[in-house]
PDB file of N, CA and C in Angstrom:
ATOM      1  N   UNK A   1      82.204 114.096 112.664  1.00  0.00           N
ATOM      2  CA  UNK A   1      83.524 114.632 113.007  1.00  0.00           C
ATOM      3  C   UNK A   1      83.685 115.793 112.143  1.00  0.00           C
ATOM      4  N   UNK A   2      84.461 116.811 112.629  1.00  0.00           N
ATOM      5  CA  UNK A   2      84.840 117.972 111.923  1.00  0.00           C
ATOM      6  C   UNK A   2      85.887 117.696 110.972  1.00  0.00           C
ATOM      7  N   UNK A   3      85.853 118.453 109.925  1.00  0.00           N
ATOM      8  CA  UNK A   3      86.900 118.245 108.773  1.00  0.00           C
ATOM      9  C   UNK A   3      88.282 118.258 109.284  1.00  0.00           C
ATOM     10  N   UNK A   4      88.534 119.223 110.292  1.00  0.00           N
ATOM     11  CA  UNK A   4      89.820 119.377 110.741  1.00  0.00           C
ATOM     12  C   UNK A   4      90.406 118.216 111.496  1.00  0.00           C
ATOM     13  N   UNK A   5      89.411 117.512 112.311  1.00  0.00           N
ATOM     14  CA  UNK A   5      89.759 116.266 112.964  1.00  0.00           C
ATOM     15  C   UNK A   5      90.052 115.070 111.966  1.00  0.00           C
ATOM     16  N   UNK A   6      89.141 115.080 110.995  1.00  0.00           N
ATOM     17  CA  UNK A   6      89.576 114.007 109.952  1.00  0.00           C
ATOM     18  C   UNK A   6      90.880 114.170 109.253  1.00  0.00           C
ATOM     19  N   UNK A   7      91.161 115.459 108.844  1.00  0.00           N
ATOM     20  CA  UNK A   7      92.284 115.697 108.263  1.00  0.00           C
ATOM     21  C   UNK A   7      93.554 115.453 109.122  1.00  0.00           C
ATOM     22  N   UNK A   8      93.351 115.848 110.482  1.00  0.00           N
ATOM     23  CA  UNK A   8      94.493 115.446 111.297  1.00  0.00           C
ATOM     24  C   UNK A   8      94.705 114.035 111.481  1.00  0.00           C
ATOM     25  N   UNK A   9      93.530 113.258 111.408  1.00  0.00           N
ATOM     26  CA  UNK A   9      93.835 111.827 111.585  1.00  0.00           C
ATOM     27  C   UNK A   9      94.425 111.188 110.539  1.00  0.00           C
ATOM     28  N   UNK A  10      94.000 111.689 109.259  1.00  0.00           N
ATOM     29  CA  UNK A  10      94.509 111.257 108.009  1.00  0.00           C
ATOM     30  C   UNK A  10      96.118 111.537 107.898  1.00  0.00           C
ATOM     31  N   UNK A  11      96.371 112.810 108.392  1.00  0.00           N
ATOM     32  CA  UNK A  11      97.749 113.252 108.523  1.00  0.00           C
ATOM     33  C   UNK A  11      98.530 112.267 109.281  1.00  0.00           C
ATOM     34  N   UNK A  12      98.014 112.047 110.404  1.00  0.00           N
ATOM     35  CA  UNK A  12      98.857 111.169 111.364  1.00  0.00           C
ATOM     36  C   UNK A  12      98.991 109.694 110.859  1.00  0.00           C
ATOM     37  N   UNK A  13      97.868 109.293 110.100  1.00  0.00           N
ATOM     38  CA  UNK A  13      98.131 107.881 109.433  1.00  0.00           C
ATOM     39  C   UNK A  13      99.130 107.886 108.349  1.00  0.00           C
ATOM     40  N   UNK A  14      98.941 108.892 107.617  1.00  0.00           N
ATOM     41  CA  UNK A  14      99.963 109.051 106.379  1.00  0.00           C
ATOM     42  C   UNK A  14     101.330 109.127 107.092  1.00  0.00           C
ATOM     43  N   UNK A  15     101.648 109.872 108.068  1.00  0.00           N
ATOM     44  CA  UNK A  15     102.792 110.013 108.521  1.00  0.00           C
ATOM     45  C   UNK A  15     103.433 108.784 109.204  1.00  0.00           C
ATOM     46  N   UNK A  16     102.514 108.046 109.867  1.00  0.00           N
ATOM     47  CA  UNK A  16     102.907 106.797 110.450  1.00  0.00           C
ATOM     48  C   UNK A  16     103.383 105.799 109.324  1.00  0.00           C
ATOM     49  N   UNK A  17     102.683 105.726 108.066  1.00  0.00           N
ATOM     50  CA  UNK A  17     103.033 104.921 107.062  1.00  0.00           C
ATOM     51  C   UNK A  17     104.392 105.328 106.419  1.00  0.00           C
ATOM     52  N   UNK A  18     104.664 106.632 106.384  1.00  0.00           N
ATOM     53  CA  UNK A  18     105.868 107.131 105.810  1.00  0.00           C
ATOM     54  C   UNK A  18     106.993 106.695 106.788  1.00  0.00           C
ATOM     55  N   UNK A  19     106.895 106.845 108.083  1.00  0.00           N
ATOM     56  CA  UNK A  19     107.804 106.509 108.999  1.00  0.00           C
ATOM     57  C   UNK A  19     108.113 104.907 109.053  1.00  0.00           C
ATOM     58  N   UNK A  20     107.174 104.187 108.717  1.00  0.00           N
ATOM     59  CA  UNK A  20     107.305 102.781 108.504  1.00  0.00           C
ATOM     60  C   UNK A  20     108.119 102.447 107.407  1.00  0.00           C
ATOM     61  N   UNK A  21     107.825 103.250 106.168  1.00  0.00           N
ATOM     62  CA  UNK A  21     108.570 102.929 104.998  1.00  0.00           C
ATOM     63  C   UNK A  21     110.025 103.358 105.205  1.00  0.00           C
ATOM     64  N   UNK A  22     110.205 104.519 105.859  1.00  0.00           N
ATOM     65  CA  UNK A  22     111.705 104.938 106.124  1.00  0.00           C
ATOM     66  C   UNK A  22     112.462 103.930 106.999  1.00  0.00           C
ATOM     67  N   UNK A  23     111.733 103.435 108.061  1.00  0.00           N
ATOM     68  CA  UNK A  23     112.424 102.431 108.762  1.00  0.00           C
ATOM     69  C   UNK A  23     112.846 101.207 108.000  1.00  0.00           C
ATOM     70  N   UNK A  24     111.863 100.741 107.135  1.00  0.00           N
ATOM     71  CA  UNK A  24     112.075  99.690 106.316  1.00  0.00           C
ATOM     72  C   UNK A  24     113.292  99.833 105.351  1.00  0.00           C
ATOM     73  N   UNK A  25     113.295 101.033 104.771  1.00  0.00           N
ATOM     74  CA  UNK A  25     114.421 101.271 103.950  1.00  0.00           C
ATOM     75  C   UNK A  25     115.723 101.321 104.689  1.00  0.00           C
ATOM     76  N   UNK A  26     115.790 101.959 105.924  1.00  0.00           N
ATOM     77  CA  UNK A  26     117.010 101.846 106.592  1.00  0.00           C
ATOM     78  C   UNK A  26     117.506 100.379 107.048  1.00  0.00           C
ATOM     79  N   UNK A  27     116.513  99.774 107.282  1.00  0.00           N
ATOM     80  CA  UNK A  27     116.892  98.258 107.578  1.00  0.00           C
ATOM     81  C   UNK A  27     117.337  97.563 106.537  1.00  0.00           C
ATOM     82  N   UNK A  28     116.787  97.761 105.234  1.00  0.00           N
ATOM     83  CA  UNK A  28     117.204  97.224 104.126  1.00  0.00           C
ATOM     84  C   UNK A  28     118.615  97.590 103.662  1.00  0.00           C
ATOM     85  N   UNK A  29     119.020  98.835 103.881  1.00  0.00           N
ATOM     86  CA  UNK A  29     120.345  99.352 103.746  1.00  0.00           C
ATOM     87  C   UNK A  29     121.293  98.562 104.640  1.00  0.00           C
ATOM     88  N   UNK A  30     120.877  98.472 105.843  1.00  0.00           N
ATOM     89  CA  UNK A  30     121.772  97.820 106.909  1.00  0.00           C
ATOM     90  C   UNK A  30     122.104  96.393 106.498  1.00  0.00           C
ATOM     91  N   UNK A  31     121.045  95.782 105.947  1.00  0.00           N
ATOM     92  CA  UNK A  31     121.102  94.390 105.764  1.00  0.00           C
ATOM     93  C   UNK A  31     121.921  94.239 104.535  1.00  0.00           C
ATOM     94  N   UNK A  32     121.902  95.045 103.587  1.00  0.00           N
ATOM     95  CA  UNK A  32     122.803  94.891 102.383  1.00  0.00           C
ATOM     96  C   UNK A  32     124.241  95.286 102.706  1.00  0.00           C
ATOM     97  N   UNK A  33     124.452  96.192 103.622  1.00  0.00           N
ATOM     98  CA  UNK A  33     125.783  96.375 103.971  1.00  0.00           C
ATOM     99  C   UNK A  33     126.313  95.259 104.691  1.00  0.00           C
ATOM    100  N   UNK A  34     125.587  94.698 105.552  1.00  0.00           N
ATOM    101  CA  UNK A  34     126.154  93.480 106.221  1.00  0.00           C
ATOM    102  C   UNK A  34     126.361  92.278 105.298  1.00  0.00           C
ATOM    103  N   UNK A  35     125.635  92.134 104.538  1.00  0.00           N
ATOM    104  CA  UNK A  35     125.647  90.970 103.605  1.00  0.00           C
ATOM    105  C   UNK A  35     126.619  91.154 102.358  1.00  0.00           C
ATOM    106  N   UNK A  36     126.970  92.440 102.095  1.00  0.00           N
ATOM    107  CA  UNK A  36     127.811  92.812 100.928  1.00  0.00           C
ATOM    108  C   UNK A  36     127.281  91.978  99.750  1.00  0.00           C
ATOM    109  N   UNK A  37     126.018  92.429  99.350  1.00  0.00           N
ATOM    110  CA  UNK A  37     125.312  91.741  98.190  1.00  0.00           C
ATOM    111  C   UNK A  37     126.161  92.055  96.852  1.00  0.00           C
ATOM    112  N   UNK A  38     126.187  91.014  96.056  1.00  0.00           N
ATOM    113  CA  UNK A  38     126.854  91.195  94.814  1.00  0.00           C
ATOM    114  C   UNK A  38     125.952  91.757  93.733  1.00  0.00           C
ATOM    115  N   UNK A  39     124.641  91.788  94.064  1.00  0.00           N
ATOM    116  CA  UNK A  39     123.559  92.393  93.147  1.00  0.00           C
ATOM    117  C   UNK A  39     123.240  93.794  93.530  1.00  0.00           C
ATOM    118  N   UNK A  40     124.334  94.551  93.504  1.00  0.00           N
ATOM    119  CA  UNK A  40     124.243  95.971  93.887  1.00  0.00           C
ATOM    120  C   UNK A  40     123.164  96.767  92.905  1.00  0.00           C
ATOM    121  N   UNK A  41     123.257  96.570  91.657  1.00  0.00           N
ATOM    122  CA  UNK A  41     122.541  97.165  90.683  1.00  0.00           C
ATOM    123  C   UNK A  41     120.995  96.943  91.002  1.00  0.00           C
ATOM    124  N   UNK A  42     120.587  95.763  91.401  1.00  0.00           N
ATOM    125  CA  UNK A  42     119.138  95.551  91.708  1.00  0.00           C
ATOM    126  C   UNK A  42     118.718  96.247  92.751  1.00  0.00           C
ATOM    127  N   UNK A  43     119.586  96.336  93.783  1.00  0.00           N
ATOM    128  CA  UNK A  43     119.386  97.005  95.156  1.00  0.00           C
ATOM    129  C   UNK A  43     119.141  98.493  94.874  1.00  0.00           C
ATOM    130  N   UNK A  44     120.101  98.930  94.117  1.00  0.00           N
ATOM    131  CA  UNK A  44     120.151 100.404  93.777  1.00  0.00           C
ATOM    132  C   UNK A  44     118.975 100.829  93.105  1.00  0.00           C
ATOM    133  N   UNK A  45     118.501 100.081  92.082  1.00  0.00           N
ATOM    134  CA  UNK A  45     117.276 100.377  91.356  1.00  0.00           C
ATOM    135  C   UNK A  45     116.104 100.387  92.130  1.00  0.00           C
ATOM    136  N   UNK A  46     115.891  99.393  93.102  1.00  0.00           N
ATOM    137  CA  UNK A  46     114.824  99.208  93.936  1.00  0.00           C
ATOM    138  C   UNK A  46     114.752 100.320  94.989  1.00  0.00           C
ATOM    139  N   UNK A  47     116.038 100.682  95.487  1.00  0.00           N
ATOM    140  CA  UNK A  47     116.146 101.664  96.535  1.00  0.00           C
ATOM    141  C   UNK A  47     115.630 102.927  95.940  1.00  0.00           C
ATOM    142  N   UNK A  48     116.187 103.388  94.829  1.00  0.00           N
ATOM    143  CA  UNK A  48     115.730 104.624  94.072  1.00  0.00           C
ATOM    144  C   UNK A  48     114.254 104.679  93.788  1.00  0.00           C
ATOM    145  N   UNK A  49     113.759 103.615  93.485  1.00  0.00           N
ATOM    146  CA  UNK A  49     112.302 103.470  93.189  1.00  0.00           C
ATOM    147  C   UNK A  49     111.536 103.816  94.459  1.00  0.00           C
ATOM    148  N   UNK A  50     111.953 103.119  95.519  1.00  0.00           N
ATOM    149  CA  UNK A  50     111.309 103.379  96.832  1.00  0.00           C
ATOM    150  C   UNK A  50     111.448 104.864  97.267  1.00  0.00           C
ATOM    151  N   UNK A  51     112.685 105.435  97.106  1.00  0.00           N
ATOM    152  CA  UNK A  51     112.885 106.778  97.542  1.00  0.00           C
ATOM    153  C   UNK A  51     112.034 107.754  96.568  1.00  0.00           C
ATOM    154  N   UNK A  52     111.777 107.428  95.303  1.00  0.00           N
ATOM    155  CA  UNK A  52     110.997 108.272  94.431  1.00  0.00           C
ATOM    156  C   UNK A  52     109.599 108.065  94.898  1.00  0.00           C
ATOM    157  N   UNK A  53     109.037 106.972  95.264  1.00  0.00           N
ATOM    158  CA  UNK A  53     107.880 106.864  95.714  1.00  0.00           C
ATOM    159  C   UNK A  53     107.649 107.529  97.133  1.00  0.00           C
ATOM    160  N   UNK A  54     108.620 107.487  98.006  1.00  0.00           N
ATOM    161  CA  UNK A  54     108.523 108.298  99.222  1.00  0.00           C
ATOM    162  C   UNK A  54     108.528 109.694  98.974  1.00  0.00           C
ATOM    163  N   UNK A  55     109.211 110.286  98.118  1.00  0.00           N
ATOM    164  CA  UNK A  55     109.287 111.731  97.738  1.00  0.00           C
ATOM    165  C   UNK A  55     107.936 112.105  97.216  1.00  0.00           C
ATOM    166  N   UNK A  56     107.257 111.267  96.360  1.00  0.00           N
ATOM    167  CA  UNK A  56     105.976 111.630  95.757  1.00  0.00           C
ATOM    168  C   UNK A  56     104.978 111.651  96.921  1.00  0.00           C
ATOM    169  N   UNK A  57     105.014 110.748  97.888  1.00  0.00           N
ATOM    170  CA  UNK A  57     104.047 110.690  99.078  1.00  0.00           C
ATOM    171  C   UNK A  57     104.263 112.042  99.904  1.00  0.00           C
ATOM    172  N   UNK A  58     105.515 112.354 100.135  1.00  0.00           N
ATOM    173  CA  UNK A  58     105.764 113.391 100.961  1.00  0.00           C
ATOM    174  C   UNK A  58     105.184 114.843 100.323  1.00  0.00           C
ATOM    175  N   UNK A  59     105.401 114.840  98.850  1.00  0.00           N
ATOM    176  CA  UNK A  59     104.865 115.999  98.127  1.00  0.00           C
ATOM    177  C   UNK A  59     103.410 116.121  98.268  1.00  0.00           C
ATOM    178  N   UNK A  60     102.741 114.927  98.136  1.00  0.00           N
ATOM    179  CA  UNK A  60     101.198 114.761  98.218  1.00  0.00           C
ATOM    180  C   UNK A  60     100.834 115.204  99.579  1.00  0.00           C
ATOM    181  N   UNK A  61     101.407 114.810 100.683  1.00  0.00           N
ATOM    182  CA  UNK A  61     101.040 115.217 102.072  1.00  0.00           C
ATOM    183  C   UNK A  61     101.272 116.700 102.200  1.00  0.00           C
ATOM    184  N   UNK A  62     102.341 117.236 101.688  1.00  0.00           N
ATOM    185  CA  UNK A  62     102.553 118.626 101.743  1.00  0.00           C
ATOM    186  C   UNK A  62     101.440 119.427 100.960  1.00  0.00           C
ATOM    187  N   UNK A  63     101.092 118.973 100.045  1.00  0.00           N
ATOM    188  CA  UNK A  63     100.095 119.633  99.048  1.00  0.00           C
ATOM    189  C   UNK A  63      98.621 119.506  99.939  1.00  0.00           C
ATOM    190  N   UNK A  64      98.344 118.352 100.467  1.00  0.00           N
ATOM    191  CA  UNK A  64      97.195 118.185 101.187  1.00  0.00           C
ATOM    192  C   UNK A  64      97.156 119.126 102.379  1.00  0.00           C
ATOM    193  N   UNK A  65      98.214 119.230 103.098  1.00  0.00           N
ATOM    194  CA  UNK A  65      98.361 120.135 104.241  1.00  0.00           C
ATOM    195  C   UNK A  65      98.230 121.590 103.814  1.00  0.00           C
ATOM    196  N   UNK A  66      98.749 121.950 102.779  1.00  0.00           N
ATOM    197  CA  UNK A  66      98.513 123.320 102.254  1.00  0.00           C
ATOM    198  C   UNK A  66      97.138 123.576 101.950  1.00  0.00           C
ATOM    199  N   UNK A  67      96.534 122.573 101.271  1.00  0.00           N
ATOM    200  CA  UNK A  67      94.973 122.848 100.995  1.00  0.00           C
ATOM    201  C   UNK A  67      94.227 122.906 102.232  1.00  0.00           C
ATOM    202  N   UNK A  68      94.606 122.012 103.247  1.00  0.00           N
ATOM    203  CA  UNK A  68      93.935 122.066 104.578  1.00  0.00           C
ATOM    204  C   UNK A  68      94.125 123.565 105.163  1.00  0.00           C
ATOM    205  N   UNK A  69      95.145 124.055 105.179  1.00  0.00           N
ATOM    206  CA  UNK A  69      95.493 125.284 106.014  1.00  0.00           C
ATOM    207  C   UNK A  69      94.670 126.359 105.197  1.00  0.00           C
ATOM    208  N   UNK A  70      94.416 126.211 103.880  1.00  0.00           N
ATOM    209  CA  UNK A  70      93.483 127.286 103.118  1.00  0.00           C
ATOM    210  C   UNK A  70      92.084 127.173 103.361  1.00  0.00           C
ATOM    211  N   UNK A  71      91.649 125.895 103.630  1.00  0.00           N
ATOM    212  CA  UNK A  71      90.239 125.740 103.793  1.00  0.00           C
ATOM    213  C   UNK A  71      89.877 125.998 105.224  1.00  0.00           C
ATOM    214  N   UNK A  72      90.749 126.016 106.180  1.00  0.00           N
ATOM    215  CA  UNK A  72      90.342 126.251 107.482  1.00  0.00           C
ATOM    216  C   UNK A  72      90.019 127.720 107.749  1.00  0.00           C
ATOM    217  N   UNK A  73      88.946 128.028 108.426  1.00  0.00           N
ATOM    218  CA  UNK A  73      88.583 129.484 108.861  1.00  0.00           C
ATOM    219  C   UNK A  73      89.493 129.933 109.816  1.00  0.00           C
ATOM    220  N   UNK A  74      89.852 131.098 109.956  1.00  0.00           N
ATOM    221  CA  UNK A  74      90.833 131.604 110.943  1.00  0.00           C
ATOM    222  C   UNK A  74      89.919 132.152 112.081  1.00  0.00           C
TER     223      UNK A  74
END
């Protein structure tokens, strides 16, 4: 397979994983709102940790995409 094809497949897989993470986070927020959890602090810490991890993943994807664009011949 060509490098471009492999990179596109990796990009699609990573994008799907991130979308799954986002969906899970949204569901978790909705669940906490409905249940009115008393342990807000625990949720908040975990949520921020998840968001930090998501942000890091997005930055890595953007960097990989940038490298991919540079390496492709025009």
